[in-house]
Amino acid sequence: QAMFPHHADLPADSPLQPKLARLRRHD
């Protein structure tokens, strides 16, 4: 969250959120 923050004005699960905001350990 500190490195790749979400857009605060969008839902957390929105497809418009940056992909890296959903980065997994497996990535």
PDB file of all heavy atoms in Angstrom:
ATOM      1  N   GLN A   1       0.818  -1.200   0.000  1.00  0.00           N
ATOM      2  CA  GLN A   1       0.000   0.000   0.000  1.00  0.00           C
ATOM      3  C   GLN A   1       0.858   1.259   0.000  1.00  0.00           C
ATOM      4  O   GLN A   1       0.515   2.260  -0.639  1.00  0.00           O
ATOM      5  CB  GLN A   1      -0.936   0.004   1.221  1.00  0.00           C
ATOM      6  CG  GLN A   1      -1.801   1.246   1.368  1.00  0.00           C
ATOM      7  CD  GLN A   1      -2.755   1.462   0.206  1.00  0.00           C
ATOM      8  OE1 GLN A   1      -3.089   0.516  -0.526  1.00  0.00           O
ATOM      9  NE2 GLN A   1      -3.190   2.697   0.013  1.00  0.00           N
ATOM     10  N   ALA A   2       1.987   1.219   0.710  1.00  0.00           N
ATOM     11  CA  ALA A   2       2.867   2.384   0.745  1.00  0.00           C
ATOM     12  C   ALA A   2       3.554   2.600  -0.600  1.00  0.00           C
ATOM     13  O   ALA A   2       3.755   3.742  -1.025  1.00  0.00           O
ATOM     14  CB  ALA A   2       3.906   2.210   1.846  1.00  0.00           C
ATOM     15  N   MET A   3       3.910   1.515  -1.269  1.00  0.00           N
ATOM     16  CA  MET A   3       4.653   1.623  -2.525  1.00  0.00           C
ATOM     17  C   MET A   3       3.738   1.784  -3.732  1.00  0.00           C
ATOM     18  O   MET A   3       4.051   2.531  -4.665  1.00  0.00           O
ATOM     19  CB  MET A   3       5.530   0.382  -2.696  1.00  0.00           C
ATOM     20  CG  MET A   3       6.540   0.504  -3.812  1.00  0.00           C
ATOM     21  SD  MET A   3       7.728  -0.885  -3.759  1.00  0.00           S
ATOM     22  CE  MET A   3       8.668  -0.551  -5.260  1.00  0.00           C
ATOM     23  N   PHE A   4       2.599   1.094  -3.728  1.00  0.00           N
ATOM     24  CA  PHE A   4       1.656   1.138  -4.857  1.00  0.00           C
ATOM     25  C   PHE A   4       0.260   1.435  -4.307  1.00  0.00           C
ATOM     26  O   PHE A   4      -0.580   0.529  -4.201  1.00  0.00           O
ATOM     27  CB  PHE A   4       1.657  -0.178  -5.629  1.00  0.00           C
ATOM     28  CG  PHE A   4       3.016  -0.647  -6.046  1.00  0.00           C
ATOM     29  CD1 PHE A   4       3.581  -1.786  -5.480  1.00  0.00           C
ATOM     30  CD2 PHE A   4       3.739   0.043  -7.000  1.00  0.00           C
ATOM     31  CE1 PHE A   4       4.827  -2.224  -5.866  1.00  0.00           C
ATOM     32  CE2 PHE A   4       4.989  -0.387  -7.393  1.00  0.00           C
ATOM     33  CZ  PHE A   4       5.544  -1.518  -6.829  1.00  0.00           C
ATOM     34  N   PRO A   5      -0.032   2.670  -3.930  1.00  0.00           N
ATOM     35  CA  PRO A   5      -1.317   2.977  -3.281  1.00  0.00           C
ATOM     36  C   PRO A   5      -2.495   2.863  -4.243  1.00  0.00           C
ATOM     37  O   PRO A   5      -2.360   3.043  -5.465  1.00  0.00           O
ATOM     38  CB  PRO A   5      -1.127   4.424  -2.799  1.00  0.00           C
ATOM     39  CG  PRO A   5      -0.074   4.977  -3.703  1.00  0.00           C
ATOM     40  CD  PRO A   5       0.840   3.853  -4.044  1.00  0.00           C
ATOM     41  N   HIS A   6      -3.659   2.563  -3.675  1.00  0.00           N
ATOM     42  CA  HIS A   6      -4.906   2.571  -4.435  1.00  0.00           C
ATOM     43  C   HIS A   6      -5.324   4.011  -4.723  1.00  0.00           C
ATOM     44  O   HIS A   6      -4.902   4.949  -4.044  1.00  0.00           O
ATOM     45  CB  HIS A   6      -6.026   1.887  -3.642  1.00  0.00           C
ATOM     46  CG  HIS A   6      -5.902   0.410  -3.556  1.00  0.00           C
ATOM     47  ND1 HIS A   6      -5.140  -0.218  -2.598  1.00  0.00           N
ATOM     48  CD2 HIS A   6      -6.454  -0.585  -4.307  1.00  0.00           C
ATOM     49  CE1 HIS A   6      -5.227  -1.530  -2.744  1.00  0.00           C
ATOM     50  NE2 HIS A   6      -6.001  -1.780  -3.782  1.00  0.00           N
ATOM     51  N   HIS A   7      -6.177   4.165  -5.728  1.00  0.00           N
ATOM     52  CA  HIS A   7      -6.841   5.452  -5.938  1.00  0.00           C
ATOM     53  C   HIS A   7      -7.968   5.565  -4.919  1.00  0.00           C
ATOM     54  O   HIS A   7      -8.888   4.736  -4.897  1.00  0.00           O
ATOM     55  CB  HIS A   7      -7.395   5.550  -7.355  1.00  0.00           C
ATOM     56  CG  HIS A   7      -6.329   5.686  -8.412  1.00  0.00           C
ATOM     57  ND1 HIS A   7      -5.350   6.658  -8.359  1.00  0.00           N
ATOM     58  CD2 HIS A   7      -6.093   4.966  -9.534  1.00  0.00           C
ATOM     59  CE1 HIS A   7      -4.554   6.533  -9.414  1.00  0.00           C
ATOM     60  NE2 HIS A   7      -4.980   5.517 -10.141  1.00  0.00           N
ATOM     61  N   ALA A   8      -7.902   6.574  -4.093  1.00  0.00           N
ATOM     62  CA  ALA A   8      -8.861   6.697  -2.995  1.00  0.00           C
ATOM     63  C   ALA A   8     -10.290   6.907  -3.474  1.00  0.00           C
ATOM     64  O   ALA A   8     -11.244   6.562  -2.768  1.00  0.00           O
ATOM     65  CB  ALA A   8      -8.443   7.854  -2.077  1.00  0.00           C
ATOM     66  N   ASP A   9     -10.463   7.461  -4.672  1.00  0.00           N
ATOM     67  CA  ASP A   9     -11.816   7.760  -5.156  1.00  0.00           C
ATOM     68  C   ASP A   9     -12.432   6.610  -5.946  1.00  0.00           C
ATOM     69  O   ASP A   9     -13.492   6.766  -6.542  1.00  0.00           O
ATOM     70  CB  ASP A   9     -11.793   9.018  -6.018  1.00  0.00           C
ATOM     71  CG  ASP A   9     -10.774   8.930  -7.149  1.00  0.00           C
ATOM     72  OD1 ASP A   9      -9.898   8.047  -7.074  1.00  0.00           O
ATOM     73  OD2 ASP A   9     -10.860   9.738  -8.096  1.00  0.00           O
ATOM     74  N   LEU A  10     -11.763   5.443  -5.962  1.00  0.00           N
ATOM     75  CA  LEU A  10     -12.300   4.271  -6.640  1.00  0.00           C
ATOM     76  C   LEU A  10     -12.466   3.122  -5.652  1.00  0.00           C
ATOM     77  O   LEU A  10     -11.711   3.030  -4.677  1.00  0.00           O
ATOM     78  CB  LEU A  10     -11.361   3.815  -7.767  1.00  0.00           C
ATOM     79  CG  LEU A  10     -11.214   4.734  -8.979  1.00  0.00           C
ATOM     80  CD1 LEU A  10     -10.133   4.183  -9.909  1.00  0.00           C
ATOM     81  CD2 LEU A  10     -12.528   4.863  -9.722  1.00  0.00           C
ATOM     82  N   PRO A  11     -13.443   2.232  -5.877  1.00  0.00           N
ATOM     83  CA  PRO A  11     -13.548   1.039  -5.017  1.00  0.00           C
ATOM     84  C   PRO A  11     -12.266   0.220  -5.079  1.00  0.00           C
ATOM     85  O   PRO A  11     -11.572   0.196  -6.102  1.00  0.00           O
ATOM     86  CB  PRO A  11     -14.740   0.277  -5.611  1.00  0.00           C
ATOM     87  CG  PRO A  11     -15.511   1.294  -6.379  1.00  0.00           C
ATOM     88  CD  PRO A  11     -14.514   2.292  -6.882  1.00  0.00           C
ATOM     89  N   ALA A  12     -11.955  -0.439  -3.980  1.00  0.00           N
ATOM     90  CA  ALA A  12     -10.705  -1.200  -3.914  1.00  0.00           C
ATOM     91  C   ALA A  12     -10.637  -2.288  -4.972  1.00  0.00           C
ATOM     92  O   ALA A  12      -9.542  -2.633  -5.453  1.00  0.00           O
ATOM     93  CB  ALA A  12     -10.535  -1.800  -2.522  1.00  0.00           C
ATOM     94  N   ASP A  13     -11.797  -2.867  -5.355  1.00  0.00           N
ATOM     95  CA  ASP A  13     -11.805  -3.946  -6.340  1.00  0.00           C
ATOM     96  C   ASP A  13     -12.096  -3.460  -7.756  1.00  0.00           C
ATOM     97  O   ASP A  13     -12.357  -4.270  -8.649  1.00  0.00           O
ATOM     98  CB  ASP A  13     -12.827  -5.014  -5.944  1.00  0.00           C
ATOM     99  CG  ASP A  13     -14.245  -4.443  -5.824  1.00  0.00           C
ATOM    100  OD1 ASP A  13     -14.389  -3.197  -5.854  1.00  0.00           O
ATOM    101  OD2 ASP A  13     -15.195  -5.239  -5.689  1.00  0.00           O
ATOM    102  N   SER A  14     -12.028  -2.164  -7.979  1.00  0.00           N
ATOM    103  CA  SER A  14     -12.310  -1.626  -9.307  1.00  0.00           C
ATOM    104  C   SER A  14     -11.218  -2.025 -10.288  1.00  0.00           C
ATOM    105  O   SER A  14     -10.021  -1.973  -9.961  1.00  0.00           O
ATOM    106  CB  SER A  14     -12.398  -0.096  -9.242  1.00  0.00           C
ATOM    107  OG  SER A  14     -12.442   0.458 -10.550  1.00  0.00           O
ATOM    108  N   PRO A  15     -11.577  -2.423 -11.526  1.00  0.00           N
ATOM    109  CA  PRO A  15     -10.553  -2.759 -12.528  1.00  0.00           C
ATOM    110  C   PRO A  15      -9.723  -1.550 -12.947  1.00  0.00           C
ATOM    111  O   PRO A  15      -8.689  -1.721 -13.595  1.00  0.00           O
ATOM    112  CB  PRO A  15     -11.373  -3.314 -13.694  1.00  0.00           C
ATOM    113  CG  PRO A  15     -12.744  -2.754 -13.509  1.00  0.00           C
ATOM    114  CD  PRO A  15     -12.950  -2.627 -12.037  1.00  0.00           C
ATOM    115  N   LEU A  16     -10.160  -0.347 -12.575  1.00  0.00           N
ATOM    116  CA  LEU A  16      -9.399   0.853 -12.899  1.00  0.00           C
ATOM    117  C   LEU A  16      -8.290   1.130 -11.900  1.00  0.00           C
ATOM    118  O   LEU A  16      -7.462   2.022 -12.120  1.00  0.00           O
ATOM    119  CB  LEU A  16     -10.347   2.072 -12.966  1.00  0.00           C
ATOM    120  CG  LEU A  16     -11.454   2.007 -14.031  1.00  0.00           C
ATOM    121  CD1 LEU A  16     -12.327   3.247 -13.957  1.00  0.00           C
ATOM    122  CD2 LEU A  16     -10.848   1.856 -15.427  1.00  0.00           C
ATOM    123  N   GLN A  17      -8.267   0.379 -10.794  1.00  0.00           N
ATOM    124  CA  GLN A  17      -7.174   0.530  -9.844  1.00  0.00           C
ATOM    125  C   GLN A  17      -5.864   0.073 -10.496  1.00  0.00           C
ATOM    126  O   GLN A  17      -5.856  -0.806 -11.362  1.00  0.00           O
ATOM    127  CB  GLN A  17      -7.445  -0.314  -8.592  1.00  0.00           C
ATOM    128  CG  GLN A  17      -8.595   0.175  -7.719  1.00  0.00           C
ATOM    129  CD  GLN A  17      -8.211   1.369  -6.876  1.00  0.00           C
ATOM    130  OE1 GLN A  17      -7.120   1.915  -7.011  1.00  0.00           O
ATOM    131  NE2 GLN A  17      -9.097   1.779  -5.999  1.00  0.00           N
ATOM    132  N   PRO A  18      -4.725   0.632 -10.098  1.00  0.00           N
ATOM    133  CA  PRO A  18      -3.442   0.186 -10.660  1.00  0.00           C
ATOM    134  C   PRO A  18      -3.222  -1.303 -10.394  1.00  0.00           C
ATOM    135  O   PRO A  18      -3.533  -1.806  -9.318  1.00  0.00           O
ATOM    136  CB  PRO A  18      -2.407   1.031  -9.907  1.00  0.00           C
ATOM    137  CG  PRO A  18      -3.164   2.196  -9.371  1.00  0.00           C
ATOM    138  CD  PRO A  18      -4.559   1.723  -9.117  1.00  0.00           C
ATOM    139  N   LYS A  19      -2.699  -1.997 -11.396  1.00  0.00           N
ATOM    140  CA  LYS A  19      -2.460  -3.427 -11.230  1.00  0.00           C
ATOM    141  C   LYS A  19      -1.514  -3.719 -10.067  1.00  0.00           C
ATOM    142  O   LYS A  19      -1.710  -4.668  -9.307  1.00  0.00           O
ATOM    143  CB  LYS A  19      -1.881  -4.023 -12.514  1.00  0.00           C
ATOM    144  CG  LYS A  19      -2.879  -4.212 -13.630  1.00  0.00           C
ATOM    145  CD  LYS A  19      -2.226  -4.921 -14.805  1.00  0.00           C
ATOM    146  CE  LYS A  19      -3.221  -5.160 -15.926  1.00  0.00           C
ATOM    147  NZ  LYS A  19      -2.594  -5.870 -17.071  1.00  0.00           N
ATOM    148  N   LEU A  20      -0.488  -2.890  -9.929  1.00  0.00           N
ATOM    149  CA  LEU A  20       0.500  -3.136  -8.888  1.00  0.00           C
ATOM    150  C   LEU A  20      -0.080  -2.964  -7.488  1.00  0.00           C
ATOM    151  O   LEU A  20       0.516  -3.444  -6.519  1.00  0.00           O
ATOM    152  CB  LEU A  20       1.700  -2.210  -9.075  1.00  0.00           C
ATOM    153  CG  LEU A  20       2.601  -2.549 -10.263  1.00  0.00           C
ATOM    154  CD1 LEU A  20       3.647  -1.475 -10.485  1.00  0.00           C
ATOM    155  CD2 LEU A  20       3.260  -3.909 -10.069  1.00  0.00           C
ATOM    156  N   ALA A  21      -1.220  -2.311  -7.377  1.00  0.00           N
ATOM    157  CA  ALA A  21      -1.872  -2.203  -6.071  1.00  0.00           C
ATOM    158  C   ALA A  21      -2.422  -3.543  -5.613  1.00  0.00           C
ATOM    159  O   ALA A  21      -2.772  -3.704  -4.434  1.00  0.00           O
ATOM    160  CB  ALA A  21      -3.004  -1.174  -6.114  1.00  0.00           C
ATOM    161  N   ARG A  22      -2.492  -4.511  -6.543  1.00  0.00           N
ATOM    162  CA  ARG A  22      -2.948  -5.863  -6.209  1.00  0.00           C
ATOM    163  C   ARG A  22      -1.803  -6.875  -6.332  1.00  0.00           C
ATOM    164  O   ARG A  22      -2.038  -8.078  -6.475  1.00  0.00           O
ATOM    165  CB  ARG A  22      -4.107  -6.277  -7.119  1.00  0.00           C
ATOM    166  CG  ARG A  22      -5.338  -5.407  -6.997  1.00  0.00           C
ATOM    167  CD  ARG A  22      -6.510  -5.981  -7.769  1.00  0.00           C
ATOM    168  NE  ARG A  22      -6.268  -5.994  -9.206  1.00  0.00           N
ATOM    169  CZ  ARG A  22      -6.545  -4.986 -10.022  1.00  0.00           C
ATOM    170  NH1 ARG A  22      -7.047  -3.865  -9.543  1.00  0.00           N
ATOM    171  NH2 ARG A  22      -6.316  -5.079 -11.319  1.00  0.00           N
ATOM    172  N   LEU A  23      -0.581  -6.402  -6.284  1.00  0.00           N
ATOM    173  CA  LEU A  23       0.577  -7.272  -6.417  1.00  0.00           C
ATOM    174  C   LEU A  23       0.549  -8.385  -5.372  1.00  0.00           C
ATOM    175  O   LEU A  23       0.320  -8.137  -4.189  1.00  0.00           O
ATOM    176  CB  LEU A  23       1.865  -6.449  -6.250  1.00  0.00           C
ATOM    177  CG  LEU A  23       3.183  -7.199  -6.426  1.00  0.00           C
ATOM    178  CD1 LEU A  23       3.436  -7.482  -7.904  1.00  0.00           C
ATOM    179  CD2 LEU A  23       4.332  -6.387  -5.836  1.00  0.00           C
ATOM    180  N   ARG A  24       0.772  -9.632  -5.818  1.00  0.00           N
ATOM    181  CA  ARG A  24       0.797 -10.778  -4.913  1.00  0.00           C
ATOM    182  C   ARG A  24       2.237 -11.191  -4.633  1.00  0.00           C
ATOM    183  O   ARG A  24       3.149 -10.889  -5.392  1.00  0.00           O
ATOM    184  CB  ARG A  24       0.055 -11.973  -5.532  1.00  0.00           C
ATOM    185  CG  ARG A  24      -1.359 -11.689  -6.013  1.00  0.00           C
ATOM    186  CD  ARG A  24      -1.845 -12.855  -6.860  1.00  0.00           C
ATOM    187  NE  ARG A  24      -0.929 -13.104  -7.976  1.00  0.00           N
ATOM    188  CZ  ARG A  24      -0.864 -14.246  -8.654  1.00  0.00           C
ATOM    189  NH1 ARG A  24      -1.645 -15.262  -8.313  1.00  0.00           N
ATOM    190  NH2 ARG A  24      -0.014 -14.393  -9.654  1.00  0.00           N
ATOM    191  N   ARG A  25       2.408 -11.910  -3.550  1.00  0.00           N
ATOM    192  CA  ARG A  25       3.735 -12.458  -3.270  1.00  0.00           C
ATOM    193  C   ARG A  25       4.174 -13.398  -4.387  1.00  0.00           C
ATOM    194  O   ARG A  25       5.347 -13.462  -4.740  1.00  0.00           O
ATOM    195  CB  ARG A  25       3.732 -13.200  -1.927  1.00  0.00           C
ATOM    196  CG  ARG A  25       3.456 -12.321  -0.722  1.00  0.00           C
ATOM    197  CD  ARG A  25       3.031 -13.132   0.471  1.00  0.00           C
ATOM    198  NE  ARG A  25       1.889 -13.985   0.169  1.00  0.00           N
ATOM    199  CZ  ARG A  25       1.280 -14.753   1.054  1.00  0.00           C
ATOM    200  NH1 ARG A  25       1.706 -14.792   2.301  1.00  0.00           N
ATOM    201  NH2 ARG A  25       0.249 -15.502   0.715  1.00  0.00           N
ATOM    202  N   HIS A  26       3.226 -14.134  -4.960  1.00  0.00           N
ATOM    203  CA  HIS A  26       3.554 -15.084  -6.030  1.00  0.00           C
ATOM    204  C   HIS A  26       4.078 -14.369  -7.268  1.00  0.00           C
ATOM    205  O   HIS A  26       4.798 -14.973  -8.073  1.00  0.00           O
ATOM    206  CB  HIS A  26       2.318 -15.911  -6.385  1.00  0.00           C
ATOM    207  CG  HIS A  26       2.612 -17.127  -7.205  1.00  0.00           C
ATOM    208  ND1 HIS A  26       3.042 -18.322  -6.665  1.00  0.00           N
ATOM    209  CD2 HIS A  26       2.567 -17.329  -8.555  1.00  0.00           C
ATOM    210  CE1 HIS A  26       3.231 -19.208  -7.627  1.00  0.00           C
ATOM    211  NE2 HIS A  26       2.953 -18.629  -8.784  1.00  0.00           N
ATOM    212  N   ASP A  27       3.739 -13.092  -7.441  1.00  0.00           N
ATOM    213  CA  ASP A  27       4.233 -12.355  -8.598  1.00  0.00           C
ATOM    214  C   ASP A  27       5.744 -12.149  -8.538  1.00  0.00           C
ATOM    215  O   ASP A  27       6.375 -11.897  -9.572  1.00  0.00           O
ATOM    216  CB  ASP A  27       3.520 -11.004  -8.709  1.00  0.00           C
ATOM    217  CG  ASP A  27       2.054 -11.157  -9.090  1.00  0.00           C
ATOM    218  OD1 ASP A  27       1.764 -11.995  -9.968  1.00  0.00           O
ATOM    219  OD2 ASP A  27       1.202 -10.461  -8.513  1.00  0.00           O
TER     220      ASP A  27
END
